[in-house]
């Protein structure tokens, strides 16, 4: 019998979402087919969920101390990995009960790891001056309760260690790896209409208005293009072809066929963005934005970053009119992804924690 691992995430396949996709691949790539771990997933009910490999799945409708305690007593985990996104556990992004549940996990294991996909959420309708202190207090409680803390964004990790000195030594930075299975370097067919791709979402950090600016620029210089949008959010522009939520193989093919991937964010490119990891791992030319969460030096020349709003259409144009530049940018992207966000690297980091 192997060691007992409990993975806690309110999102898990077949429920769509970045955290769900990451959890599934994390189990395959980090835990793998070894006999070292007996794995249980604690998640919410989802219609059509089927058994996932050799993993036991426990579903609870109401995330209360009593329901979580029952699972902990049943599993008796040696390690717990808790995936945290504020609005995943409470629609408005203020899950005030979560610190109590995490403290219960601490009491029932010798190795509690809290993985912060995000620390704050601007999805709430509360005013930011009220919202942010609450979210900050939740993060402080969770990181203080954990034996180890994993953060996907380097700048957030430094900030957390600065604000809460007693957790500094137990923080690890592990960026999100590609969440598309079997992602590899693809090669666009070249010629014909320029293929643009955007991964849509209802998350307020998406800034589609910058893509509109880029399309206006391409129209003004007479570049023929097709913009395809994968995702659940409606793109507010008639020039976009909306594909909606697609099967993984369809998304992968769309990525391989794209000449340029457009990924503008209000908080900037960062290690928590699976869309960026997928695009760079596929060797695509990517145009994104630099923001509060962006480590410009870390990304190097792997993608093009707009530091100001008016730079975004300039960068898109520079790639749109130069096929050789797109090819060179794709090569930079692929090399960087192998070195920085490959699952081989991620697995090595996680195994040192578990």
Protein backbone atom coordinates (compact mmCIF):
# COMPACT_ATOMS: atom_id res chain seq x y z
CA UNK A 1 0.00 0.00 0.00
CA UNK A 2 1.39 3.39 -1.02
CA UNK A 3 1.29 6.68 0.78
CA UNK A 4 -2.13 8.31 0.83
CA UNK A 5 -2.54 11.56 -1.10
CA UNK A 6 -5.68 13.73 -0.97
CA UNK A 7 -6.04 16.33 -3.74
CA UNK A 8 -8.66 18.96 -2.99
CA UNK A 9 -10.10 21.02 -5.85
CA UNK A 10 -13.65 22.13 -6.41
CA UNK A 11 -12.93 21.91 -10.16
CA UNK A 12 -12.10 18.53 -11.67
CA UNK A 13 -12.87 16.93 -15.07
CA UNK A 14 -15.22 16.67 -16.79
CA UNK A 15 -16.01 20.12 -15.42
CA UNK A 16 -14.36 22.62 -17.79
CA UNK A 17 -11.80 25.05 -16.46
CA UNK A 18 -8.09 25.73 -16.20
CA UNK A 19 -7.75 24.34 -12.67
CA UNK A 20 -9.61 21.16 -13.62
CA UNK A 21 -7.36 20.60 -16.64
CA UNK A 22 -4.26 21.26 -14.55
CA UNK A 23 -5.35 18.85 -11.79
CA UNK A 24 -5.86 16.02 -14.26
CA UNK A 25 -2.51 16.50 -15.98
CA UNK A 26 -0.78 17.05 -12.63
CA UNK A 27 -1.95 13.62 -11.52
CA UNK A 28 -0.64 12.02 -14.71
CA UNK A 29 2.66 13.87 -14.97
CA UNK A 30 3.65 14.29 -11.32
CA UNK A 31 2.09 11.27 -9.63
CA UNK A 32 2.17 9.11 -12.76
CA UNK A 33 1.69 5.39 -12.84
CA UNK A 34 3.91 4.70 -9.83
CA UNK A 35 2.76 2.74 -6.84
CA UNK A 36 4.06 5.36 -4.44
CA UNK A 37 0.69 7.03 -3.92
CA UNK A 38 -2.91 6.02 -3.33
CA UNK A 39 -4.76 9.09 -4.58
CA UNK A 40 -8.17 10.45 -3.64
CA UNK A 41 -9.75 13.53 -5.22
CA UNK A 42 -12.14 15.65 -3.16
CA UNK A 43 -14.31 17.76 -5.46
CA UNK A 44 -17.87 18.95 -6.08
CA UNK A 45 -20.50 16.83 -7.88
CA UNK A 46 -20.59 17.07 -11.68
CA UNK A 47 -23.02 15.36 -14.06
CA UNK A 48 -21.37 12.71 -16.21
CA UNK A 49 -18.20 12.32 -14.15
CA UNK A 50 -16.54 8.98 -14.77
CA UNK A 51 -13.73 7.19 -12.88
CA UNK A 52 -10.38 8.86 -13.47
CA UNK A 53 -7.60 6.31 -13.84
CA UNK A 54 -6.82 4.63 -10.55
CA UNK A 55 -7.95 7.64 -8.54
CA UNK A 56 -10.76 7.50 -5.99
CA UNK A 57 -13.17 10.42 -6.31
CA UNK A 58 -15.19 11.79 -3.40
CA UNK A 59 -17.85 14.42 -4.16
CA UNK A 60 -19.42 16.72 -1.58
CA UNK A 61 -22.18 19.20 -2.31
CA UNK A 62 -21.75 21.43 0.75
CA UNK A 63 -18.20 22.30 1.78
CA UNK A 64 -18.70 22.41 5.53
CA UNK A 65 -16.31 21.47 8.35
CA UNK A 66 -18.29 18.33 9.13
CA UNK A 67 -18.36 17.08 5.52
CA UNK A 68 -14.65 17.73 4.98
CA UNK A 69 -13.77 16.16 8.35
CA UNK A 70 -15.58 12.96 7.36
CA UNK A 71 -13.48 12.70 4.20
CA UNK A 72 -10.24 13.35 6.07
CA UNK A 73 -11.02 10.71 8.67
CA UNK A 74 -11.88 8.22 5.93
CA UNK A 75 -8.81 8.85 3.74
CA UNK A 76 -6.28 9.51 6.55
CA UNK A 77 -3.94 11.28 4.09
CA UNK A 78 -0.17 11.43 4.45
CA UNK A 79 -0.21 14.51 2.21
CA UNK A 80 -2.90 16.95 1.10
CA UNK A 81 -2.63 19.26 -1.92
CA UNK A 82 -5.24 22.03 -1.76
CA UNK A 83 -5.87 24.03 -4.95
CA UNK A 84 -6.95 27.60 -4.22
CA UNK A 85 -8.70 30.13 -6.43
CA UNK A 86 -10.94 32.58 -4.51
CA UNK A 87 -13.97 32.46 -6.80
CA UNK A 88 -13.73 28.68 -7.23
CA UNK A 89 -14.97 28.23 -3.65
CA UNK A 90 -17.22 31.28 -3.42
CA UNK A 91 -18.71 33.02 -6.44
CA UNK A 92 -17.86 36.51 -5.23
CA UNK A 93 -14.25 35.62 -4.42
CA UNK A 94 -14.46 35.84 -0.61
CA UNK A 95 -14.55 32.20 0.66
CA UNK A 96 -14.39 33.02 4.37
CA UNK A 97 -15.01 29.40 5.41
CA UNK A 98 -11.99 28.04 3.53
CA UNK A 99 -9.38 28.86 6.26
CA UNK A 100 -11.38 26.70 8.69
CA UNK A 101 -11.42 23.80 6.21
CA UNK A 102 -7.69 24.15 5.53
CA UNK A 103 -6.96 24.17 9.25
CA UNK A 104 -8.87 20.89 9.51
CA UNK A 105 -6.66 19.48 6.75
CA UNK A 106 -3.59 20.58 8.67
CA UNK A 107 -4.78 18.63 11.71
CA UNK A 108 -5.28 15.47 9.66
CA UNK A 109 -2.00 15.29 7.72
CA UNK A 110 1.73 15.73 8.22
CA UNK A 111 2.19 17.50 4.88
CA UNK A 112 -0.38 20.09 3.79
CA UNK A 113 0.52 21.92 0.56
CA UNK A 114 -1.57 24.91 -0.49
CA UNK A 115 -1.28 25.76 -4.18
CA UNK A 116 -2.28 29.35 -4.96
CA UNK A 117 -3.40 29.56 -8.59
CA UNK A 118 -4.68 33.02 -7.68
CA UNK A 119 -4.59 34.94 -4.41
CA UNK A 120 -7.13 37.65 -5.17
CA UNK A 121 -10.16 37.91 -7.40
CA UNK A 122 -11.83 40.98 -8.85
CA UNK A 123 -14.99 39.03 -9.66
CA UNK A 124 -16.76 40.22 -6.52
CA UNK A 125 -19.26 43.04 -6.54
CA UNK A 126 -17.87 44.35 -3.28
CA UNK A 127 -15.82 47.52 -3.39
CA UNK A 128 -12.08 46.76 -3.74
CA UNK A 129 -11.18 48.59 -0.53
CA UNK A 130 -13.37 46.10 1.35
CA UNK A 131 -12.61 43.07 -0.82
CA UNK A 132 -8.82 43.10 -0.90
CA UNK A 133 -8.20 43.07 2.89
CA UNK A 134 -10.57 40.11 3.26
CA UNK A 135 -8.87 38.20 0.46
CA UNK A 136 -5.47 39.12 1.90
CA UNK A 137 -6.46 37.82 5.33
CA UNK A 138 -7.65 34.53 3.79
CA UNK A 139 -4.32 34.11 1.97
CA UNK A 140 -2.42 34.83 5.21
CA UNK A 141 -4.42 32.21 7.11
CA UNK A 142 -4.05 29.57 4.39
CA UNK A 143 -0.31 30.05 3.96
CA UNK A 144 0.21 30.07 7.74
CA UNK A 145 -1.71 26.79 8.11
CA UNK A 146 0.19 25.02 5.30
CA UNK A 147 3.39 23.06 5.77
CA UNK A 148 4.39 24.15 2.26
CA UNK A 149 3.02 26.86 -0.04
CA UNK A 150 3.22 26.81 -3.83
CA UNK A 151 2.67 30.02 -5.82
CA UNK A 152 2.48 30.17 -9.61
CA UNK A 153 3.61 33.81 -9.92
CA UNK A 154 7.08 34.85 -8.72
CA UNK A 155 6.08 38.43 -7.87
CA UNK A 156 3.17 37.19 -5.75
CA UNK A 157 5.48 34.79 -3.94
CA UNK A 158 7.91 37.59 -3.10
CA UNK A 159 5.05 39.78 -1.90
CA UNK A 160 3.63 37.00 0.26
CA UNK A 161 7.01 36.34 1.86
CA UNK A 162 7.48 40.05 2.50
CA UNK A 163 4.06 40.53 4.10
CA UNK A 164 4.13 37.30 6.11
CA UNK A 165 7.77 36.64 7.05
CA UNK A 166 7.12 33.39 8.92
CA UNK A 167 5.95 31.64 5.72
CA UNK A 168 8.83 32.87 3.53
CA UNK A 169 11.00 29.76 3.87
CA UNK A 170 8.21 27.37 2.94
CA UNK A 171 7.20 29.09 -0.33
CA UNK A 172 8.02 27.50 -3.70
CA UNK A 173 7.37 29.08 -7.10
CA UNK A 174 6.09 26.56 -9.65
CA UNK A 175 4.50 28.10 -12.78
CA UNK A 176 1.62 26.37 -14.52
CA UNK A 177 2.70 23.84 -17.15
CA UNK A 178 0.81 23.23 -20.41
CA UNK A 179 -2.68 21.84 -19.81
CA UNK A 180 -3.26 20.35 -23.27
CA UNK A 181 -2.30 16.68 -23.35
CA UNK A 182 0.46 15.75 -25.75
CA UNK A 183 1.14 19.37 -26.66
CA UNK A 184 4.09 19.58 -29.00
CA UNK A 185 5.66 22.01 -31.36
CA UNK A 186 3.32 22.64 -34.29
CA UNK A 187 3.99 24.26 -37.63
CA UNK A 188 1.38 26.45 -39.35
CA UNK A 189 0.86 25.64 -43.02
CA UNK A 190 1.85 29.18 -44.04
CA UNK A 191 0.48 31.27 -46.87
CA UNK A 192 -3.11 32.38 -47.31
CA UNK A 193 -5.07 34.27 -44.71
CA UNK A 194 -3.30 35.08 -41.44
CA UNK A 195 -4.70 32.92 -38.62
CA UNK A 196 -5.14 34.71 -35.29
CA UNK A 197 -6.21 32.84 -32.14
CA UNK A 198 -7.54 34.03 -28.81
CA UNK A 199 -8.59 32.00 -25.77
CA UNK A 200 -11.76 33.65 -24.50
CA UNK A 201 -13.06 33.75 -20.95
CA UNK A 202 -15.55 35.68 -18.85
CA UNK A 203 -12.79 36.43 -16.35
CA UNK A 204 -12.43 40.23 -15.97
CA UNK A 205 -8.65 40.03 -16.45
CA UNK A 206 -9.19 39.38 -20.17
CA UNK A 207 -8.86 42.60 -22.20
CA UNK A 208 -10.48 41.96 -25.56
CA UNK A 209 -10.51 45.66 -26.37
CA UNK A 210 -6.80 45.42 -27.19
CA UNK A 211 -7.56 42.74 -29.76
CA UNK A 212 -10.14 45.08 -31.32
CA UNK A 213 -7.39 47.71 -31.59
CA UNK A 214 -5.13 45.18 -33.30
CA UNK A 215 -7.83 44.18 -35.78
CA UNK A 216 -8.44 47.83 -36.61
CA UNK A 217 -4.72 48.19 -37.32
CA UNK A 218 -4.61 45.15 -39.59
CA UNK A 219 -7.68 46.42 -41.47
CA UNK A 220 -6.01 49.80 -41.96
CA UNK A 221 -2.91 48.27 -43.59
CA UNK A 222 -4.84 45.75 -45.69
CA UNK A 223 -3.74 42.50 -44.02
CA UNK A 224 -6.20 39.65 -44.60
CA UNK A 225 -6.80 37.67 -41.43
CA UNK A 226 -9.17 35.35 -39.59
CA UNK A 227 -9.62 35.66 -35.81
CA UNK A 228 -10.81 32.52 -34.08
CA UNK A 229 -11.86 32.59 -30.42
CA UNK A 230 -11.82 29.42 -28.32
CA UNK A 231 -13.69 29.69 -25.04
CA UNK A 232 -16.96 30.40 -23.36
CA UNK A 233 -17.07 34.19 -23.49
CA UNK A 234 -18.62 36.04 -26.41
CA UNK A 235 -16.10 38.27 -28.17
CA UNK A 236 -17.65 41.74 -28.64
CA UNK A 237 -16.65 42.08 -32.28
CA UNK A 238 -18.27 40.78 -35.45
CA UNK A 239 -14.88 40.02 -37.01
CA UNK A 240 -14.29 37.16 -34.59
CA UNK A 241 -15.29 33.56 -35.29
CA UNK A 242 -16.61 32.22 -31.98
CA UNK A 243 -15.93 28.52 -31.42
CA UNK A 244 -17.15 28.30 -27.83
CA UNK A 245 -15.97 25.55 -25.49
CA UNK A 246 -14.22 22.89 -27.61
CA UNK A 247 -12.91 19.40 -27.07
CA UNK A 248 -9.23 19.23 -26.21
CA UNK A 249 -8.16 17.81 -29.57
CA UNK A 250 -9.98 20.66 -31.34
CA UNK A 251 -8.29 23.28 -29.15
CA UNK A 252 -4.91 21.69 -29.81
CA UNK A 253 -5.45 21.76 -33.56
CA UNK A 254 -6.58 25.38 -33.45
CA UNK A 255 -3.37 26.20 -31.63
CA UNK A 256 -1.23 24.33 -34.16
CA UNK A 257 -2.96 26.15 -37.04
CA UNK A 258 -2.54 29.63 -35.55
CA UNK A 259 0.05 32.05 -36.89
CA UNK A 260 -0.24 34.43 -33.91
CA UNK A 261 -1.87 33.95 -30.52
CA UNK A 262 -3.31 37.11 -28.94
CA UNK A 263 -3.43 37.02 -25.13
CA UNK A 264 -3.86 40.46 -23.54
CA UNK A 265 -4.47 40.56 -19.78
CA UNK A 266 -5.17 43.49 -17.49
CA UNK A 267 -2.73 42.07 -14.90
CA UNK A 268 -0.24 40.91 -17.53
CA UNK A 269 1.27 37.63 -18.63
CA UNK A 270 2.28 35.45 -15.68
CA UNK A 271 3.10 31.95 -14.49
CA UNK A 272 -0.53 31.15 -13.72
CA UNK A 273 -1.66 31.47 -17.36
CA UNK A 274 -2.12 28.02 -18.87
CA UNK A 275 -3.09 29.65 -22.18
CA UNK A 276 0.38 31.19 -22.40
CA UNK A 277 2.10 27.96 -21.36
CA UNK A 278 0.16 26.00 -24.00
CA UNK A 279 0.88 28.54 -26.73
CA UNK A 280 4.61 28.77 -26.02
CA UNK A 281 4.95 24.97 -25.73
CA UNK A 282 3.34 24.69 -29.17
CA UNK A 283 5.95 27.04 -30.60
CA UNK A 284 3.51 29.78 -31.46
CA UNK A 285 4.24 33.47 -31.81
CA UNK A 286 2.45 35.11 -28.85
CA UNK A 287 1.57 38.76 -28.20
CA UNK A 288 0.56 39.55 -24.62
CA UNK A 289 0.76 42.40 -22.12
CA UNK A 290 3.12 43.33 -19.30
CA UNK A 291 1.33 44.04 -16.04
CA UNK A 292 1.65 43.85 -12.28
CA UNK A 293 2.13 40.06 -12.35
CA UNK A 294 4.59 39.92 -15.26
CA UNK A 295 8.21 38.92 -14.74
CA UNK A 296 9.64 40.46 -17.91
CA UNK A 297 13.14 39.07 -17.38
CA UNK A 298 11.80 35.55 -16.83
CA UNK A 299 9.93 35.55 -20.14
CA UNK A 300 12.92 36.99 -22.01
CA UNK A 301 12.33 36.80 -25.77
CA UNK A 302 9.79 33.97 -25.59
CA UNK A 303 6.85 36.27 -26.40
CA UNK A 304 6.15 39.89 -27.29
CA UNK A 305 4.90 42.03 -24.40
CA UNK A 306 3.07 45.33 -24.74
CA UNK A 307 4.00 47.63 -21.84
CA UNK A 308 1.57 50.33 -22.99
CA UNK A 309 -1.84 50.01 -24.58
CA UNK A 310 -0.77 51.54 -27.90
CA UNK A 311 2.08 49.02 -28.23
CA UNK A 312 -0.22 46.01 -28.61
CA UNK A 313 -1.37 46.71 -32.19
CA UNK A 314 2.22 47.67 -33.10
CA UNK A 315 3.50 44.28 -31.96
CA UNK A 316 0.71 42.40 -33.72
CA UNK A 317 1.44 44.29 -36.94
CA UNK A 318 5.18 43.55 -36.70
CA UNK A 319 4.44 39.81 -36.74
CA UNK A 320 1.52 39.96 -39.16
CA UNK A 321 3.63 41.42 -41.99
CA UNK A 322 6.74 39.28 -41.41
CA UNK A 323 6.49 35.49 -41.69
CA UNK A 324 10.18 35.07 -40.83
CA UNK A 325 9.67 37.03 -37.59
CA UNK A 326 6.74 34.78 -36.68
CA UNK A 327 8.87 31.69 -37.27
CA UNK A 328 11.75 33.04 -35.17
CA UNK A 329 9.38 34.03 -32.38
CA UNK A 330 7.86 30.54 -32.38
CA UNK A 331 11.31 28.98 -32.07
CA UNK A 332 12.10 31.24 -29.11
CA UNK A 333 8.78 30.29 -27.52
CA UNK A 334 9.35 26.55 -27.82
CA UNK A 335 12.88 26.63 -26.42
CA UNK A 336 11.77 28.73 -23.46
CA UNK A 337 8.80 26.48 -22.67
CA UNK A 338 10.97 23.35 -22.59
CA UNK A 339 13.37 25.00 -20.14
CA UNK A 340 10.85 26.74 -17.89
CA UNK A 341 7.36 25.18 -17.88
CA UNK A 342 7.75 21.62 -19.15
CA UNK A 343 6.05 18.92 -17.11
CA UNK A 344 9.44 17.24 -16.58
CA UNK A 345 10.62 20.33 -14.73
CA UNK A 346 7.33 20.71 -12.84
CA UNK A 347 7.32 17.06 -11.75
CA UNK A 348 10.84 17.39 -10.38
CA UNK A 349 9.84 20.43 -8.31
CA UNK A 350 6.68 18.83 -6.95
CA UNK A 351 8.33 15.55 -6.02
CA UNK A 352 10.73 17.50 -3.83
CA UNK A 353 7.74 18.97 -1.98
CA UNK A 354 5.66 15.82 -1.61
